[in-house]
């Protein structure tokens, strides 16, 4: 059954509550907008909290680019592939269990299954490195 947009009003973004981090980055709390630097850190929060908060903004920006790449017909193929490869690499990193290193083959599989995109191993390796993870 297909639901109209009115059914999705106020629904959580993939389980992330306002002000929390979800699989695609931080969901803004009520009253926050894209112009702010994000929610203030909790009192006594260390440098790791600042890094996590900054990474959440970067991931949100990546997913906005992925959605634009999927819908924008004006992008060149190479640019579209690069953006979607980074999105696939981010998905692989999120889905890889702790302590295990994501591989370019996983990025190839994810790009094909999630975005119907055929990548080369070099593109997958570059995407993994670009989103901040090494590859095996």
C-alpha atoms as a PDB file:
ATOM      1  CA  UNK A   1       0.000   0.000   0.000  1.00  0.00           C
ATOM      2  CA  UNK A   2       1.318   3.444  -0.882  1.00  0.00           C
ATOM      3  CA  UNK A   3       0.810   6.177   1.664  1.00  0.00           C
ATOM      4  CA  UNK A   4       0.608   9.838   0.862  1.00  0.00           C
ATOM      5  CA  UNK A   5       2.977  12.405   2.340  1.00  0.00           C
ATOM      6  CA  UNK A   6       0.387  13.302   4.989  1.00  0.00           C
ATOM      7  CA  UNK A   7       0.991   9.924   6.671  1.00  0.00           C
ATOM      8  CA  UNK A   8       4.672  10.697   7.205  1.00  0.00           C
ATOM      9  CA  UNK A   9       4.239  14.047   8.978  1.00  0.00           C
ATOM     10  CA  UNK A  10       6.093  14.059  12.268  1.00  0.00           C
ATOM     11  CA  UNK A  11       7.505  10.569  11.758  1.00  0.00           C
ATOM     12  CA  UNK A  12      10.965   9.890  13.089  1.00  0.00           C
ATOM     13  CA  UNK A  13      13.794   9.768  10.593  1.00  0.00           C
ATOM     14  CA  UNK A  14      14.781   6.104  10.637  1.00  0.00           C
ATOM     15  CA  UNK A  15      14.427   5.852  14.399  1.00  0.00           C
ATOM     16  CA  UNK A  16      16.396   8.979  15.284  1.00  0.00           C
ATOM     17  CA  UNK A  17      14.577  11.231  17.701  1.00  0.00           C
ATOM     18  CA  UNK A  18      15.017  15.013  17.562  1.00  0.00           C
ATOM     19  CA  UNK A  19      18.500  15.932  18.761  1.00  0.00           C
ATOM     20  CA  UNK A  20      19.850  12.370  18.352  1.00  0.00           C
ATOM     21  CA  UNK A  21      22.188  10.768  15.837  1.00  0.00           C
ATOM     22  CA  UNK A  22      20.693   8.278  13.406  1.00  0.00           C
ATOM     23  CA  UNK A  23      22.155   6.289  10.513  1.00  0.00           C
ATOM     24  CA  UNK A  24      22.276   9.386   8.291  1.00  0.00           C
ATOM     25  CA  UNK A  25      23.582  11.869  10.829  1.00  0.00           C
ATOM     26  CA  UNK A  26      22.047  14.066  13.486  1.00  0.00           C
ATOM     27  CA  UNK A  27      18.340  14.853  13.351  1.00  0.00           C
ATOM     28  CA  UNK A  28      17.845  18.521  14.282  1.00  0.00           C
ATOM     29  CA  UNK A  29      16.025  19.289  17.501  1.00  0.00           C
ATOM     30  CA  UNK A  30      12.998  21.579  17.383  1.00  0.00           C
ATOM     31  CA  UNK A  31      14.121  25.167  16.867  1.00  0.00           C
ATOM     32  CA  UNK A  32      17.398  24.244  15.182  1.00  0.00           C
ATOM     33  CA  UNK A  33      18.046  24.973  11.553  1.00  0.00           C
ATOM     34  CA  UNK A  34      20.817  24.373   9.032  1.00  0.00           C
ATOM     35  CA  UNK A  35      22.456  27.734   9.742  1.00  0.00           C
ATOM     36  CA  UNK A  36      23.379  26.823  13.293  1.00  0.00           C
ATOM     37  CA  UNK A  37      26.544  24.986  14.163  1.00  0.00           C
ATOM     38  CA  UNK A  38      24.465  22.237  15.761  1.00  0.00           C
ATOM     39  CA  UNK A  39      23.218  21.679  19.250  1.00  0.00           C
ATOM     40  CA  UNK A  40      25.427  22.939  22.049  1.00  0.00           C
ATOM     41  CA  UNK A  41      27.609  20.291  23.601  1.00  0.00           C
ATOM     42  CA  UNK A  42      26.692  19.022  27.024  1.00  0.00           C
ATOM     43  CA  UNK A  43      28.536  20.616  29.903  1.00  0.00           C
ATOM     44  CA  UNK A  44      31.854  18.858  30.413  1.00  0.00           C
ATOM     45  CA  UNK A  45      31.765  17.175  26.999  1.00  0.00           C
ATOM     46  CA  UNK A  46      35.226  16.408  25.718  1.00  0.00           C
ATOM     47  CA  UNK A  47      36.869  16.659  22.303  1.00  0.00           C
ATOM     48  CA  UNK A  48      35.360  13.319  21.196  1.00  0.00           C
ATOM     49  CA  UNK A  49      31.849  14.794  21.509  1.00  0.00           C
ATOM     50  CA  UNK A  50      32.892  17.719  19.300  1.00  0.00           C
ATOM     51  CA  UNK A  51      34.305  15.308  16.684  1.00  0.00           C
ATOM     52  CA  UNK A  52      31.102  13.226  16.697  1.00  0.00           C
ATOM     53  CA  UNK A  53      28.993  16.366  16.339  1.00  0.00           C
ATOM     54  CA  UNK A  54      31.118  17.579  13.396  1.00  0.00           C
ATOM     55  CA  UNK A  55      31.002  14.164  11.741  1.00  0.00           C
ATOM     56  CA  UNK A  56      27.201  14.158  12.016  1.00  0.00           C
ATOM     57  CA  UNK A  57      26.987  17.399  10.021  1.00  0.00           C
ATOM     58  CA  UNK A  58      29.327  15.980   7.363  1.00  0.00           C
ATOM     59  CA  UNK A  59      27.247  12.813   7.043  1.00  0.00           C
ATOM     60  CA  UNK A  60      24.041  14.840   6.726  1.00  0.00           C
ATOM     61  CA  UNK A  61      25.628  16.885   3.950  1.00  0.00           C
ATOM     62  CA  UNK A  62      26.736  13.689   2.168  1.00  0.00           C
ATOM     63  CA  UNK A  63      23.189  12.314   2.182  1.00  0.00           C
ATOM     64  CA  UNK A  64      21.821  15.569   0.810  1.00  0.00           C
ATOM     65  CA  UNK A  65      24.335  15.261  -2.027  1.00  0.00           C
ATOM     66  CA  UNK A  66      23.344  11.622  -2.625  1.00  0.00           C
ATOM     67  CA  UNK A  67      19.671  12.543  -2.868  1.00  0.00           C
ATOM     68  CA  UNK A  68      20.517  15.390  -5.237  1.00  0.00           C
ATOM     69  CA  UNK A  69      22.665  13.073  -7.378  1.00  0.00           C
ATOM     70  CA  UNK A  70      19.787  10.634  -7.677  1.00  0.00           C
ATOM     71  CA  UNK A  71      17.342  13.327  -8.804  1.00  0.00           C
ATOM     72  CA  UNK A  72      19.448  15.932 -10.647  1.00  0.00           C
ATOM     73  CA  UNK A  73      19.785  15.337 -14.387  1.00  0.00           C
ATOM     74  CA  UNK A  74      22.321  18.140 -14.877  1.00  0.00           C
ATOM     75  CA  UNK A  75      25.205  16.349 -13.125  1.00  0.00           C
ATOM     76  CA  UNK A  76      27.865  14.693 -15.236  1.00  0.00           C
ATOM     77  CA  UNK A  77      28.099  10.913 -14.930  1.00  0.00           C
ATOM     78  CA  UNK A  78      31.539  10.971 -13.296  1.00  0.00           C
ATOM     79  CA  UNK A  79      30.419  13.421 -10.615  1.00  0.00           C
ATOM     80  CA  UNK A  80      27.215  11.466  -9.962  1.00  0.00           C
ATOM     81  CA  UNK A  81      29.188   8.200  -9.635  1.00  0.00           C
ATOM     82  CA  UNK A  82      31.643   9.791  -7.204  1.00  0.00           C
ATOM     83  CA  UNK A  83      28.861  11.101  -4.947  1.00  0.00           C
ATOM     84  CA  UNK A  84      26.952   7.806  -5.010  1.00  0.00           C
ATOM     85  CA  UNK A  85      30.171   5.865  -4.359  1.00  0.00           C
ATOM     86  CA  UNK A  86      30.771   7.969  -1.234  1.00  0.00           C
ATOM     87  CA  UNK A  87      27.185   7.273  -0.154  1.00  0.00           C
ATOM     88  CA  UNK A  88      27.688   3.533  -0.655  1.00  0.00           C
ATOM     89  CA  UNK A  89      30.961   3.690   1.279  1.00  0.00           C
ATOM     90  CA  UNK A  90      29.209   5.470   4.162  1.00  0.00           C
ATOM     91  CA  UNK A  91      26.509   2.784   4.214  1.00  0.00           C
ATOM     92  CA  UNK A  92      29.161   0.058   4.303  1.00  0.00           C
ATOM     93  CA  UNK A  93      30.980   1.773   7.159  1.00  0.00           C
ATOM     94  CA  UNK A  94      27.721   2.049   9.138  1.00  0.00           C
ATOM     95  CA  UNK A  95      26.842  -1.598   8.480  1.00  0.00           C
ATOM     96  CA  UNK A  96      30.281  -3.084   9.198  1.00  0.00           C
ATOM     97  CA  UNK A  97      30.555  -4.503  12.737  1.00  0.00           C
ATOM     98  CA  UNK A  98      32.976  -2.812  15.144  1.00  0.00           C
ATOM     99  CA  UNK A  99      36.520  -4.053  14.850  1.00  0.00           C
ATOM    100  CA  UNK A 100      36.180  -5.034  11.187  1.00  0.00           C
ATOM    101  CA  UNK A 101      37.485  -3.003   8.283  1.00  0.00           C
ATOM    102  CA  UNK A 102      35.106  -2.292   5.359  1.00  0.00           C
ATOM    103  CA  UNK A 103      36.311  -3.570   1.997  1.00  0.00           C
ATOM    104  CA  UNK A 104      36.019  -2.171  -1.525  1.00  0.00           C
ATOM    105  CA  UNK A 105      34.030  -5.298  -2.505  1.00  0.00           C
ATOM    106  CA  UNK A 106      31.381  -4.399   0.077  1.00  0.00           C
ATOM    107  CA  UNK A 107      31.178  -0.904  -1.435  1.00  0.00           C
ATOM    108  CA  UNK A 108      30.750  -2.416  -4.909  1.00  0.00           C
ATOM    109  CA  UNK A 109      27.920  -4.645  -3.684  1.00  0.00           C
ATOM    110  CA  UNK A 110      26.191  -1.839  -1.791  1.00  0.00           C
ATOM    111  CA  UNK A 111      26.439   0.591  -4.720  1.00  0.00           C
ATOM    112  CA  UNK A 112      24.910  -2.007  -7.012  1.00  0.00           C
ATOM    113  CA  UNK A 113      22.093  -3.068  -4.685  1.00  0.00           C
ATOM    114  CA  UNK A 114      21.202   0.324  -3.192  1.00  0.00           C
ATOM    115  CA  UNK A 115      21.831   2.674  -6.138  1.00  0.00           C
ATOM    116  CA  UNK A 116      21.908   0.345  -9.199  1.00  0.00           C
ATOM    117  CA  UNK A 117      25.429   1.633  -9.870  1.00  0.00           C
ATOM    118  CA  UNK A 118      28.369  -0.367 -11.209  1.00  0.00           C
ATOM    119  CA  UNK A 119      31.677   0.874  -9.803  1.00  0.00           C
ATOM    120  CA  UNK A 120      35.271  -0.178 -10.325  1.00  0.00           C
ATOM    121  CA  UNK A 121      37.414  -1.380  -7.444  1.00  0.00           C
ATOM    122  CA  UNK A 122      39.480   1.816  -7.701  1.00  0.00           C
ATOM    123  CA  UNK A 123      36.340   3.978  -7.360  1.00  0.00           C
ATOM    124  CA  UNK A 124      35.220   1.951  -4.336  1.00  0.00           C
ATOM    125  CA  UNK A 125      38.643   2.197  -2.701  1.00  0.00           C
ATOM    126  CA  UNK A 126      38.786   5.964  -3.308  1.00  0.00           C
ATOM    127  CA  UNK A 127      35.282   6.396  -1.854  1.00  0.00           C
ATOM    128  CA  UNK A 128      36.253   4.496   1.304  1.00  0.00           C
ATOM    129  CA  UNK A 129      39.321   6.651   1.753  1.00  0.00           C
ATOM    130  CA  UNK A 130      37.352   9.817   1.080  1.00  0.00           C
ATOM    131  CA  UNK A 131      34.772   9.151   3.784  1.00  0.00           C
ATOM    132  CA  UNK A 132      37.536   8.606   6.302  1.00  0.00           C
ATOM    133  CA  UNK A 133      38.142   4.867   6.458  1.00  0.00           C
ATOM    134  CA  UNK A 134      40.994   2.796   5.138  1.00  0.00           C
ATOM    135  CA  UNK A 135      40.321  -0.315   3.131  1.00  0.00           C
ATOM    136  CA  UNK A 136      41.599  -3.844   3.178  1.00  0.00           C
END
